[in-house]
Amino acid sequence: MGWTRRNVLGCGAAAVAATAADRAFAQTYPSRPIELVVPWGPGGGADQLARKIAQVAEPMLGQGLPVVNVPGGTGATGMAKLLANPADGQTAAIYIADSHALLAGTGARWKIEDIVPAAVLIQAPSFLFVGQDSRFKTWAEFAQEAQAKPGTLKVATLGFGSVDDFTLKFLGAKGVKVNPVPFAKPGERYVSILGGHADALYEQAGDVGTFLSGRQMRPLLVFGRQRFPAFPDIPCSAEAGFDIALPQFRSLVVRAGTPQDRVETLSATLAKVADSADYKAFLKEQFADEASFLSAAQAGDFVRRQLDDMKAALKQAS
């Protein structure tokens, strides 16, 4: 059958229309709800962050952000779920310092090159807490007993290979040897020092805020180079003679290979979230740095620096 001018023009118009439709589809993001993986159980700081992001960001994106808790392996199980999905930005994960710390060891199932941070959303120091009625009234008393009876004091942690673990190993190398006890479930970890299952708890203040306001627990030490304004009478690790300050950070990441425009869309949305009054109030409740937010353009360098610091701390502890 011969081709007429009408046939050619018709096919050309169809091709242009198809190309335009494909381009429009490619630019429509998110095209459906973005699954937000939390590699931890419900109730912890990562879970709280995910649900706050979902609450504030959903109206901005015009799509839902269903939160899916996938605990296990100090975050490794949840990260495996993220990396098993296509690199299309339709699956994201809350990525925190404790998961990141696995990369400083040898058993991590992913590499830093496998993920792209869309933003850092929380930066906060870690503490050692005790129950309100603990016999330890000061850090000096706790450290003295840990030195006199190495390995007898139990400290509740998130898990082996985490920032908690690195910090306690560092203290042990300096003579303050404790026995880390991992609790996979945040709730169990928090109450361990109230029920006598642990002598102290390594955690961020925001995660145990209700226990602090209810006067059920109190801090002994903040890890950092200066005291924390909310607890001015509590010494920092630097003044106690321990130069270690691995801050907790919580970020949102997607799989490497996600189109840059989608990463930027997520980052811009999260910047709006961070600037909202609702989120600023949340940061205050979390005892976090008011200037926590870092965009995608800044977050990549930040997480790499954190990994360098973790490797250095681990080397000093070995």
C-alpha atoms as a PDB file:
ATOM      1  CA  MET A   1       0.000   0.000   0.000  1.00  0.00           C
ATOM      2  CA  GLY A   2       1.456   3.384  -0.961  1.00  0.00           C
ATOM      3  CA  TRP A   3       2.109   6.160   1.542  1.00  0.00           C
ATOM      4  CA  THR A   4       0.252   9.431   0.994  1.00  0.00           C
ATOM      5  CA  ARG A   5       1.183  12.828   2.390  1.00  0.00           C
ATOM      6  CA  ARG A   6      -1.762  12.465   4.788  1.00  0.00           C
ATOM      7  CA  ASN A   7      -0.367   9.139   6.064  1.00  0.00           C
ATOM      8  CA  VAL A   8       3.041  10.710   6.723  1.00  0.00           C
ATOM      9  CA  LEU A   9       1.604  13.733   8.488  1.00  0.00           C
ATOM     10  CA  GLY A  10      -0.681  11.503  10.541  1.00  0.00           C
ATOM     11  CA  CYS A  11       2.166   9.271  11.676  1.00  0.00           C
ATOM     12  CA  GLY A  12       4.312  12.296  12.480  1.00  0.00           C
ATOM     13  CA  ALA A  13       1.586  13.851  14.600  1.00  0.00           C
ATOM     14  CA  ALA A  14       1.069  10.550  16.423  1.00  0.00           C
ATOM     15  CA  ALA A  15       4.790  10.272  17.133  1.00  0.00           C
ATOM     16  CA  VAL A  16       4.920  13.837  18.493  1.00  0.00           C
ATOM     17  CA  ALA A  17       1.881  13.165  20.666  1.00  0.00           C
ATOM     18  CA  ALA A  18       3.404   9.932  21.989  1.00  0.00           C
ATOM     19  CA  THR A  19       6.689  11.676  22.768  1.00  0.00           C
ATOM     20  CA  ALA A  20       4.868  14.470  24.588  1.00  0.00           C
ATOM     21  CA  ALA A  21       2.852  11.932  26.556  1.00  0.00           C
ATOM     22  CA  ASP A  22       5.996  10.027  27.512  1.00  0.00           C
ATOM     23  CA  ARG A  23       7.683  13.246  28.609  1.00  0.00           C
ATOM     24  CA  ALA A  24       4.642  14.266  30.660  1.00  0.00           C
ATOM     25  CA  PHE A  25       4.554  10.841  32.304  1.00  0.00           C
ATOM     26  CA  ALA A  26       8.265  10.996  33.091  1.00  0.00           C
ATOM     27  CA  GLN A  27       7.833  14.422  34.688  1.00  0.00           C
ATOM     28  CA  THR A  28       4.874  13.345  36.805  1.00  0.00           C
ATOM     29  CA  TYR A  29       6.429  12.576  40.151  1.00  0.00           C
ATOM     30  CA  PRO A  30       5.337  11.189  42.434  1.00  0.00           C
ATOM     31  CA  SER A  31       2.871   9.288  40.265  1.00  0.00           C
ATOM     32  CA  ARG A  32       1.620   7.221  43.194  1.00  0.00           C
ATOM     33  CA  PRO A  33       2.204   6.991  46.978  1.00  0.00           C
ATOM     34  CA  ILE A  34       5.872   6.902  48.034  1.00  0.00           C
ATOM     35  CA  GLU A  35       6.552   3.967  50.324  1.00  0.00           C
ATOM     36  CA  LEU A  36       8.585   5.177  53.310  1.00  0.00           C
ATOM     37  CA  VAL A  37      10.612   2.332  54.814  1.00  0.00           C
ATOM     38  CA  VAL A  38      11.630   2.586  58.468  1.00  0.00           C
ATOM     39  CA  PRO A  39      14.343  -0.026  59.160  1.00  0.00           C
ATOM     40  CA  TRP A  40      13.324  -0.117  62.834  1.00  0.00           C
ATOM     41  CA  GLY A  41      10.331  -1.061  64.919  1.00  0.00           C
ATOM     42  CA  PRO A  42       7.454   1.289  65.766  1.00  0.00           C
ATOM     43  CA  GLY A  43       7.835   3.951  68.428  1.00  0.00           C
ATOM     44  CA  GLY A  44      11.511   4.822  68.066  1.00  0.00           C
ATOM     45  CA  GLY A  45      13.044   8.056  66.831  1.00  0.00           C
ATOM     46  CA  ALA A  46      13.265   6.943  63.183  1.00  0.00           C
ATOM     47  CA  ASP A  47       9.612   5.894  63.240  1.00  0.00           C
ATOM     48  CA  GLN A  48       8.562   9.184  64.836  1.00  0.00           C
ATOM     49  CA  LEU A  49      10.434  11.103  62.137  1.00  0.00           C
ATOM     50  CA  ALA A  50       8.869   9.100  59.314  1.00  0.00           C
ATOM     51  CA  ARG A  51       5.354   9.687  60.574  1.00  0.00           C
ATOM     52  CA  LYS A  52       5.967  13.399  61.059  1.00  0.00           C
ATOM     53  CA  ILE A  53       7.358  13.699  57.520  1.00  0.00           C
ATOM     54  CA  ALA A  54       4.360  11.817  56.143  1.00  0.00           C
ATOM     55  CA  GLN A  55       1.937  14.022  58.022  1.00  0.00           C
ATOM     56  CA  VAL A  56       3.455  17.297  56.796  1.00  0.00           C
ATOM     57  CA  ALA A  57       4.652  16.302  53.312  1.00  0.00           C
ATOM     58  CA  GLU A  58       1.621  14.430  51.961  1.00  0.00           C
ATOM     59  CA  PRO A  59      -0.413  17.592  51.181  1.00  0.00           C
ATOM     60  CA  MET A  60       2.656  19.112  49.512  1.00  0.00           C
ATOM     61  CA  LEU A  61       3.329  16.088  47.279  1.00  0.00           C
ATOM     62  CA  GLY A  62      -0.282  15.296  46.545  1.00  0.00           C
ATOM     63  CA  GLN A  63       0.430  11.647  47.306  1.00  0.00           C
ATOM     64  CA  GLY A  64       0.516   9.496  50.413  1.00  0.00           C
ATOM     65  CA  LEU A  65       3.655   8.445  52.252  1.00  0.00           C
ATOM     66  CA  PRO A  66       2.705   5.128  53.850  1.00  0.00           C
ATOM     67  CA  VAL A  67       5.179   4.156  56.580  1.00  0.00           C
ATOM     68  CA  VAL A  68       6.393   0.542  56.561  1.00  0.00           C
ATOM     69  CA  ASN A  69       8.405  -0.709  59.548  1.00  0.00           C
ATOM     70  CA  VAL A  70      11.019  -3.328  58.581  1.00  0.00           C
ATOM     71  CA  PRO A  71      13.191  -3.925  61.677  1.00  0.00           C
ATOM     72  CA  GLY A  72      16.229  -6.172  61.918  1.00  0.00           C
ATOM     73  CA  GLY A  73      19.998  -6.258  61.580  1.00  0.00           C
ATOM     74  CA  THR A  74      20.647  -2.726  62.916  1.00  0.00           C
ATOM     75  CA  GLY A  75      18.708  -1.399  59.946  1.00  0.00           C
ATOM     76  CA  ALA A  76      20.119  -3.831  57.357  1.00  0.00           C
ATOM     77  CA  THR A  77      16.786  -5.590  56.708  1.00  0.00           C
ATOM     78  CA  GLY A  78      15.006  -2.346  55.906  1.00  0.00           C
ATOM     79  CA  MET A  79      17.855  -1.166  53.712  1.00  0.00           C
ATOM     80  CA  ALA A  80      17.643  -4.442  51.769  1.00  0.00           C
ATOM     81  CA  LYS A  81      13.969  -3.702  51.107  1.00  0.00           C
ATOM     82  CA  LEU A  82      14.815  -0.235  49.802  1.00  0.00           C
ATOM     83  CA  LEU A  83      17.537  -1.552  47.496  1.00  0.00           C
ATOM     84  CA  ALA A  84      15.302  -4.344  46.165  1.00  0.00           C
ATOM     85  CA  ASN A  85      12.953  -1.740  44.675  1.00  0.00           C
ATOM     86  CA  PRO A  86      13.474   0.176  41.417  1.00  0.00           C
ATOM     87  CA  ALA A  87      15.530   3.380  41.497  1.00  0.00           C
ATOM     88  CA  ASP A  88      12.516   5.524  40.685  1.00  0.00           C
ATOM     89  CA  GLY A  89      12.014   7.520  43.881  1.00  0.00           C
ATOM     90  CA  GLN A  90       8.768   5.702  44.682  1.00  0.00           C
ATOM     91  CA  THR A  91      10.462   3.992  47.641  1.00  0.00           C
ATOM     92  CA  ALA A  92      12.508   5.905  50.223  1.00  0.00           C
ATOM     93  CA  ALA A  93      13.939   5.020  53.612  1.00  0.00           C
ATOM     94  CA  ILE A  94      14.768   6.694  56.887  1.00  0.00           C
ATOM     95  CA  TYR A  95      18.527   6.329  57.168  1.00  0.00           C
ATOM     96  CA  ILE A  96      20.157   7.018  60.519  1.00  0.00           C
ATOM     97  CA  ALA A  97      23.639   7.112  62.009  1.00  0.00           C
ATOM     98  CA  ASP A  98      23.280   3.624  63.510  1.00  0.00           C
ATOM     99  CA  SER A  99      22.696   2.020  60.102  1.00  0.00           C
ATOM    100  CA  HIS A 100      25.428   4.189  58.615  1.00  0.00           C
ATOM    101  CA  ALA A 101      27.855   2.883  61.242  1.00  0.00           C
ATOM    102  CA  LEU A 102      27.614  -0.600  59.722  1.00  0.00           C
ATOM    103  CA  LEU A 103      29.572   0.730  56.747  1.00  0.00           C
ATOM    104  CA  ALA A 104      32.534   1.386  59.038  1.00  0.00           C
ATOM    105  CA  GLY A 105      32.784  -2.343  59.695  1.00  0.00           C
ATOM    106  CA  THR A 106      33.140  -5.245  57.304  1.00  0.00           C
ATOM    107  CA  GLY A 107      29.736  -6.921  57.248  1.00  0.00           C
ATOM    108  CA  ALA A 108      27.471  -4.297  55.657  1.00  0.00           C
ATOM    109  CA  ARG A 109      25.202  -5.567  52.871  1.00  0.00           C
ATOM    110  CA  TRP A 110      25.301  -2.282  50.984  1.00  0.00           C
ATOM    111  CA  LYS A 111      27.792   0.472  50.138  1.00  0.00           C
ATOM    112  CA  ILE A 112      27.539   4.210  50.539  1.00  0.00           C
ATOM    113  CA  GLU A 113      27.435   4.405  46.736  1.00  0.00           C
ATOM    114  CA  ASP A 114      24.153   2.428  46.753  1.00  0.00           C
ATOM    115  CA  ILE A 115      22.146   5.289  48.257  1.00  0.00           C
ATOM    116  CA  VAL A 116      21.511   8.978  47.650  1.00  0.00           C
ATOM    117  CA  PRO A 117      20.425  11.210  50.556  1.00  0.00           C
ATOM    118  CA  ALA A 118      17.552  13.525  49.658  1.00  0.00           C
ATOM    119  CA  ALA A 119      18.012  15.403  52.948  1.00  0.00           C
ATOM    120  CA  VAL A 120      19.323  15.241  56.488  1.00  0.00           C
ATOM    121  CA  LEU A 121      16.421  16.048  58.789  1.00  0.00           C
ATOM    122  CA  ILE A 122      17.639  15.621  62.364  1.00  0.00           C
ATOM    123  CA  GLN A 123      21.009  16.127  64.046  1.00  0.00           C
ATOM    124  CA  ALA A 124      21.165  15.547  67.790  1.00  0.00           C
ATOM    125  CA  PRO A 125      23.677  14.421  70.419  1.00  0.00           C
ATOM    126  CA  SER A 126      23.480  11.124  72.266  1.00  0.00           C
ATOM    127  CA  PHE A 127      23.408  10.635  76.035  1.00  0.00           C
ATOM    128  CA  LEU A 128      23.833   8.046  78.726  1.00  0.00           C
ATOM    129  CA  PHE A 129      20.653   7.928  80.817  1.00  0.00           C
ATOM    130  CA  VAL A 130      19.832   6.193  84.092  1.00  0.00           C
ATOM    131  CA  GLY A 131      16.564   5.654  85.920  1.00  0.00           C
ATOM    132  CA  GLN A 132      15.504   8.498  88.153  1.00  0.00           C
ATOM    133  CA  ASP A 133      16.143   6.434  91.291  1.00  0.00           C
ATOM    134  CA  SER A 134      19.467   4.977  90.079  1.00  0.00           C
ATOM    135  CA  ARG A 135      22.231   4.756  92.656  1.00  0.00           C
ATOM    136  CA  PHE A 136      24.445   6.630  90.193  1.00  0.00           C
ATOM    137  CA  LYS A 137      23.957  10.316  90.818  1.00  0.00           C
ATOM    138  CA  THR A 138      26.786  11.492  88.552  1.00  0.00           C
ATOM    139  CA  TRP A 139      28.827  10.355  85.576  1.00  0.00           C
ATOM    140  CA  ALA A 140      31.905  10.252  87.814  1.00  0.00           C
ATOM    141  CA  GLU A 141      30.249   7.637  90.033  1.00  0.00           C
ATOM    142  CA  PHE A 142      29.246   5.525  87.036  1.00  0.00           C
ATOM    143  CA  ALA A 143      32.699   5.724  85.449  1.00  0.00           C
ATOM    144  CA  GLN A 144      34.408   4.885  88.728  1.00  0.00           C
ATOM    145  CA  GLU A 145      32.418   1.660  89.145  1.00  0.00           C
ATOM    146  CA  ALA A 146      32.895   0.715  85.479  1.00  0.00           C
ATOM    147  CA  GLN A 147      36.641   1.070  85.967  1.00  0.00           C
ATOM    148  CA  ALA A 148      36.669  -0.833  89.252  1.00  0.00           C
ATOM    149  CA  LYS A 149      34.431  -3.664  87.980  1.00  0.00           C
ATOM    150  CA  PRO A 150      35.043  -3.949  84.219  1.00  0.00           C
ATOM    151  CA  GLY A 151      32.162  -5.373  82.184  1.00  0.00           C
ATOM    152  CA  THR A 152      29.673  -5.635  85.038  1.00  0.00           C
ATOM    153  CA  LEU A 153      27.551  -2.547  84.340  1.00  0.00           C
ATOM    154  CA  LYS A 154      24.974  -3.146  81.605  1.00  0.00           C
ATOM    155  CA  VAL A 155      24.196  -0.452  79.041  1.00  0.00           C
ATOM    156  CA  ALA A 156      21.132  -0.831  76.829  1.00  0.00           C
ATOM    157  CA  THR A 157      21.955  -0.192  73.173  1.00  0.00           C
ATOM    158  CA  LEU A 158      20.353  -0.390  69.766  1.00  0.00           C
ATOM    159  CA  GLY A 159      22.634  -3.157  68.528  1.00  0.00           C
ATOM    160  CA  PHE A 160      26.126  -4.325  67.685  1.00  0.00           C
ATOM    161  CA  GLY A 161      27.894  -2.337  64.980  1.00  0.00           C
ATOM    162  CA  SER A 162      25.835   0.771  65.774  1.00  0.00           C
ATOM    163  CA  VAL A 163      26.997   4.199  66.934  1.00  0.00           C
ATOM    164  CA  ASP A 164      26.084   3.041  70.445  1.00  0.00           C
ATOM    165  CA  ASP A 165      28.440   0.098  70.085  1.00  0.00           C
ATOM    166  CA  PHE A 166      31.301   2.205  68.674  1.00  0.00           C
ATOM    167  CA  THR A 167      31.033   4.738  71.482  1.00  0.00           C
ATOM    168  CA  LEU A 168      30.980   2.130  74.234  1.00  0.00           C
ATOM    169  CA  LYS A 169      33.957   0.350  72.670  1.00  0.00           C
ATOM    170  CA  PHE A 170      35.793   3.663  72.644  1.00  0.00           C
ATOM    171  CA  LEU A 171      35.043   4.159  76.353  1.00  0.00           C
ATOM    172  CA  GLY A 172      36.174   0.598  77.037  1.00  0.00           C
ATOM    173  CA  ALA A 173      39.493   1.246  75.309  1.00  0.00           C
ATOM    174  CA  LYS A 174      39.933   4.202  77.665  1.00  0.00           C
ATOM    175  CA  GLY A 175      39.271   2.089  80.762  1.00  0.00           C
ATOM    176  CA  VAL A 176      35.512   2.529  81.245  1.00  0.00           C
ATOM    177  CA  LYS A 177      34.423  -1.005  80.310  1.00  0.00           C
ATOM    178  CA  VAL A 178      30.698  -1.764  80.286  1.00  0.00           C
ATOM    179  CA  ASN A 179      28.574  -4.626  78.997  1.00  0.00           C
ATOM    180  CA  PRO A 180      26.446  -3.515  76.006  1.00  0.00           C
ATOM    181  CA  VAL A 181      23.027  -5.183  75.876  1.00  0.00           C
ATOM    182  CA  PRO A 182      21.188  -4.793  72.546  1.00  0.00           C
ATOM    183  CA  PHE A 183      17.404  -4.339  72.443  1.00  0.00           C
ATOM    184  CA  ALA A 184      15.882  -4.477  68.960  1.00  0.00           C
ATOM    185  CA  LYS A 185      12.581  -2.934  70.057  1.00  0.00           C
ATOM    186  CA  PRO A 186      12.827   0.742  71.059  1.00  0.00           C
ATOM    187  CA  GLY A 187      10.197   0.461  73.777  1.00  0.00           C
ATOM    188  CA  GLU A 188      11.991  -2.426  75.467  1.00  0.00           C
ATOM    189  CA  ARG A 189      15.271  -0.538  75.290  1.00  0.00           C
ATOM    190  CA  TYR A 190      13.813   2.562  76.905  1.00  0.00           C
ATOM    191  CA  VAL A 191      12.212   0.784  79.852  1.00  0.00           C
ATOM    192  CA  SER A 192      15.208  -1.492  80.475  1.00  0.00           C
ATOM    193  CA  ILE A 193      16.678   0.994  82.955  1.00  0.00           C
ATOM    194  CA  LEU A 194      13.340   1.360  84.719  1.00  0.00           C
ATOM    195  CA  GLY A 195      12.890  -2.369  85.286  1.00  0.00           C
ATOM    196  CA  GLY A 196      16.449  -3.111  86.344  1.00  0.00           C
ATOM    197  CA  HIS A 197      17.381  -4.956  83.136  1.00  0.00           C
ATOM    198  CA  ALA A 198      20.162  -2.450  82.435  1.00  0.00           C
ATOM    199  CA  ASP A 199      22.114   0.075  84.484  1.00  0.00           C
ATOM    200  CA  ALA A 200      22.183   2.774  81.817  1.00  0.00           C
ATOM    201  CA  LEU A 201      20.761   3.570  78.406  1.00  0.00           C
ATOM    202  CA  TYR A 202      22.540   5.023  75.365  1.00  0.00           C
ATOM    203  CA  GLU A 203      19.956   7.134  73.539  1.00  0.00           C
ATOM    204  CA  GLN A 204      18.944  10.550  72.240  1.00  0.00           C
ATOM    205  CA  ALA A 205      16.941  12.793  74.534  1.00  0.00           C
ATOM    206  CA  GLY A 206      14.077  13.259  72.100  1.00  0.00           C
ATOM    207  CA  ASP A 207      13.416   9.538  71.909  1.00  0.00           C
ATOM    208  CA  VAL A 208      12.866   9.341  75.673  1.00  0.00           C
ATOM    209  CA  GLY A 209      11.321  12.776  76.088  1.00  0.00           C
ATOM    210  CA  THR A 210       8.202  11.493  77.827  1.00  0.00           C
ATOM    211  CA  PHE A 211      10.341   9.642  80.369  1.00  0.00           C
ATOM    212  CA  LEU A 212      12.384  12.777  81.001  1.00  0.00           C
ATOM    213  CA  SER A 213       9.358  15.032  81.427  1.00  0.00           C
ATOM    214  CA  GLY A 214       7.765  12.379  83.652  1.00  0.00           C
ATOM    215  CA  ARG A 215      10.914  12.292  85.797  1.00  0.00           C
ATOM    216  CA  GLN A 216      11.415   8.590  85.213  1.00  0.00           C
ATOM    217  CA  MET A 217      14.964   8.941  83.922  1.00  0.00           C
ATOM    218  CA  ARG A 218      17.767  11.489  83.825  1.00  0.00           C
ATOM    219  CA  PRO A 219      21.013  11.990  81.882  1.00  0.00           C
ATOM    220  CA  LEU A 220      24.507  11.345  83.251  1.00  0.00           C
ATOM    221  CA  LEU A 221      26.609  12.353  80.238  1.00  0.00           C
ATOM    222  CA  VAL A 222      26.147  13.948  76.821  1.00  0.00           C
ATOM    223  CA  PHE A 223      28.494  12.887  74.041  1.00  0.00           C
ATOM    224  CA  GLY A 224      30.016  15.927  72.439  1.00  0.00           C
ATOM    225  CA  ARG A 225      32.435  18.774  72.872  1.00  0.00           C
ATOM    226  CA  GLN A 226      30.096  21.004  74.843  1.00  0.00           C
ATOM    227  CA  ARG A 227      27.273  20.723  77.324  1.00  0.00           C
ATOM    228  CA  PHE A 228      23.722  20.553  76.026  1.00  0.00           C
ATOM    229  CA  PRO A 229      21.634  23.671  76.807  1.00  0.00           C
ATOM    230  CA  ALA A 230      18.616  21.700  78.027  1.00  0.00           C
ATOM    231  CA  PHE A 231      20.774  19.945  80.647  1.00  0.00           C
ATOM    232  CA  PRO A 232      23.375  22.550  81.681  1.00  0.00           C
ATOM    233  CA  ASP A 233      24.508  20.623  84.776  1.00  0.00           C
ATOM    234  CA  ILE A 234      25.345  17.448  82.843  1.00  0.00           C
ATOM    235  CA  PRO A 235      28.985  17.117  81.722  1.00  0.00           C
ATOM    236  CA  CYS A 236      29.947  16.441  78.123  1.00  0.00           C
ATOM    237  CA  SER A 237      32.273  13.637  77.111  1.00  0.00           C
ATOM    238  CA  ALA A 238      35.057  16.040  76.117  1.00  0.00           C
ATOM    239  CA  GLU A 239      35.310  17.547  79.592  1.00  0.00           C
ATOM    240  CA  ALA A 240      35.177  14.045  81.077  1.00  0.00           C
ATOM    241  CA  GLY A 241      38.299  13.243  79.065  1.00  0.00           C
ATOM    242  CA  PHE A 242      36.747  11.319  76.152  1.00  0.00           C
ATOM    243  CA  ASP A 243      37.140  12.924  72.748  1.00  0.00           C
ATOM    244  CA  ILE A 244      34.284  11.213  70.975  1.00  0.00           C
ATOM    245  CA  ALA A 245      31.195  12.856  69.545  1.00  0.00           C
ATOM    246  CA  LEU A 246      29.319  10.742  67.029  1.00  0.00           C
ATOM    247  CA  PRO A 247      26.036  12.647  66.694  1.00  0.00           C
ATOM    248  CA  GLN A 248      22.855  10.897  65.782  1.00  0.00           C
ATOM    249  CA  PHE A 249      21.555  11.978  62.406  1.00  0.00           C
ATOM    250  CA  ARG A 250      18.403  10.921  60.644  1.00  0.00           C
ATOM    251  CA  SER A 251      17.954  11.376  56.937  1.00  0.00           C
ATOM    252  CA  LEU A 252      15.808  10.293  54.035  1.00  0.00           C
ATOM    253  CA  VAL A 253      17.507   8.333  51.252  1.00  0.00           C
ATOM    254  CA  VAL A 254      16.572   6.765  47.942  1.00  0.00           C
ATOM    255  CA  ARG A 255      18.313   4.162  45.855  1.00  0.00           C
ATOM    256  CA  ALA A 256      21.291   5.326  43.780  1.00  0.00           C
ATOM    257  CA  GLY A 257      20.330   5.810  40.146  1.00  0.00           C
ATOM    258  CA  THR A 258      17.104   7.619  41.011  1.00  0.00           C
ATOM    259  CA  PRO A 259      16.667  10.435  38.459  1.00  0.00           C
ATOM    260  CA  GLN A 260      18.202  13.653  39.762  1.00  0.00           C
ATOM    261  CA  ASP A 261      15.034  15.670  39.189  1.00  0.00           C
ATOM    262  CA  ARG A 262      13.144  13.284  41.486  1.00  0.00           C
ATOM    263  CA  VAL A 263      15.807  13.551  44.178  1.00  0.00           C
ATOM    264  CA  GLU A 264      15.548  17.334  43.893  1.00  0.00           C
ATOM    265  CA  THR A 265      11.749  17.200  44.101  1.00  0.00           C
ATOM    266  CA  LEU A 266      12.000  15.203  47.326  1.00  0.00           C
ATOM    267  CA  SER A 267      14.693  17.502  48.702  1.00  0.00           C
ATOM    268  CA  ALA A 268      12.692  20.648  47.923  1.00  0.00           C
ATOM    269  CA  THR A 269       9.598  19.152  49.566  1.00  0.00           C
ATOM    270  CA  LEU A 270      11.573  18.166  52.663  1.00  0.00           C
ATOM    271  CA  ALA A 271      12.993  21.696  52.839  1.00  0.00           C
ATOM    272  CA  LYS A 272       9.414  22.984  53.038  1.00  0.00           C
ATOM    273  CA  VAL A 273       8.656  20.378  55.700  1.00  0.00           C
ATOM    274  CA  ALA A 274      11.687  21.499  57.732  1.00  0.00           C
ATOM    275  CA  ASP A 275      10.576  25.123  57.453  1.00  0.00           C
ATOM    276  CA  SER A 276       7.044  24.430  58.725  1.00  0.00           C
ATOM    277  CA  ALA A 277       5.995  25.439  62.222  1.00  0.00           C
ATOM    278  CA  ASP A 278       4.818  21.882  62.873  1.00  0.00           C
ATOM    279  CA  TYR A 279       8.241  20.423  62.101  1.00  0.00           C
ATOM    280  CA  LYS A 280      10.123  23.096  64.031  1.00  0.00           C
ATOM    281  CA  ALA A 281       8.039  22.203  67.086  1.00  0.00           C
ATOM    282  CA  PHE A 282       8.872  18.544  66.459  1.00  0.00           C
ATOM    283  CA  LEU A 283      12.615  19.329  66.388  1.00  0.00           C
ATOM    284  CA  LYS A 284      12.296  21.088  69.720  1.00  0.00           C
ATOM    285  CA  GLU A 285      10.536  18.059  71.192  1.00  0.00           C
ATOM    286  CA  GLN A 286      13.377  15.912  69.846  1.00  0.00           C
ATOM    287  CA  PHE A 287      16.048  18.040  71.570  1.00  0.00           C
ATOM    288  CA  ALA A 288      17.582  18.416  68.102  1.00  0.00           C
ATOM    289  CA  ASP A 289      19.670  21.132  66.487  1.00  0.00           C
ATOM    290  CA  GLU A 290      17.393  23.849  65.094  1.00  0.00           C
ATOM    291  CA  ALA A 291      19.654  23.966  62.021  1.00  0.00           C
ATOM    292  CA  SER A 292      19.444  20.217  61.416  1.00  0.00           C
ATOM    293  CA  PHE A 293      18.223  20.346  57.817  1.00  0.00           C
ATOM    294  CA  LEU A 294      20.643  19.721  54.976  1.00  0.00           C
ATOM    295  CA  SER A 295      19.478  19.561  51.365  1.00  0.00           C
ATOM    296  CA  ALA A 296      20.437  16.857  48.876  1.00  0.00           C
ATOM    297  CA  ALA A 297      23.252  19.105  47.661  1.00  0.00           C
ATOM    298  CA  GLN A 298      24.773  19.143  51.169  1.00  0.00           C
ATOM    299  CA  ALA A 299      23.711  15.788  52.575  1.00  0.00           C
ATOM    300  CA  GLY A 300      26.002  13.577  50.497  1.00  0.00           C
ATOM    301  CA  ASP A 301      29.177  15.229  51.786  1.00  0.00           C
ATOM    302  CA  PHE A 302      27.786  15.207  55.320  1.00  0.00           C
ATOM    303  CA  VAL A 303      27.169  11.451  55.447  1.00  0.00           C
ATOM    304  CA  ARG A 304      30.617  10.780  53.997  1.00  0.00           C
ATOM    305  CA  ARG A 305      32.243  12.895  56.715  1.00  0.00           C
ATOM    306  CA  GLN A 306      30.230  11.049  59.332  1.00  0.00           C
ATOM    307  CA  LEU A 307      31.489   7.736  57.991  1.00  0.00           C
ATOM    308  CA  ASP A 308      35.090   8.968  58.179  1.00  0.00           C
ATOM    309  CA  ASP A 309      34.531   9.970  61.830  1.00  0.00           C
ATOM    310  CA  MET A 310      33.007   6.567  62.619  1.00  0.00           C
ATOM    311  CA  LYS A 311      35.932   4.732  61.072  1.00  0.00           C
ATOM    312  CA  ALA A 312      38.346   6.869  63.084  1.00  0.00           C
ATOM    313  CA  ALA A 313      36.457   6.180  66.320  1.00  0.00           C
ATOM    314  CA  LEU A 314      36.373   2.456  65.619  1.00  0.00           C
ATOM    315  CA  LYS A 315      40.111   2.465  64.945  1.00  0.00           C
ATOM    316  CA  GLN A 316      40.782   4.175  68.284  1.00  0.00           C
ATOM    317  CA  ALA A 317      38.552   1.673  70.069  1.00  0.00           C
ATOM    318  CA  SER A 318      40.310  -1.392  68.623  1.00  0.00           C
END
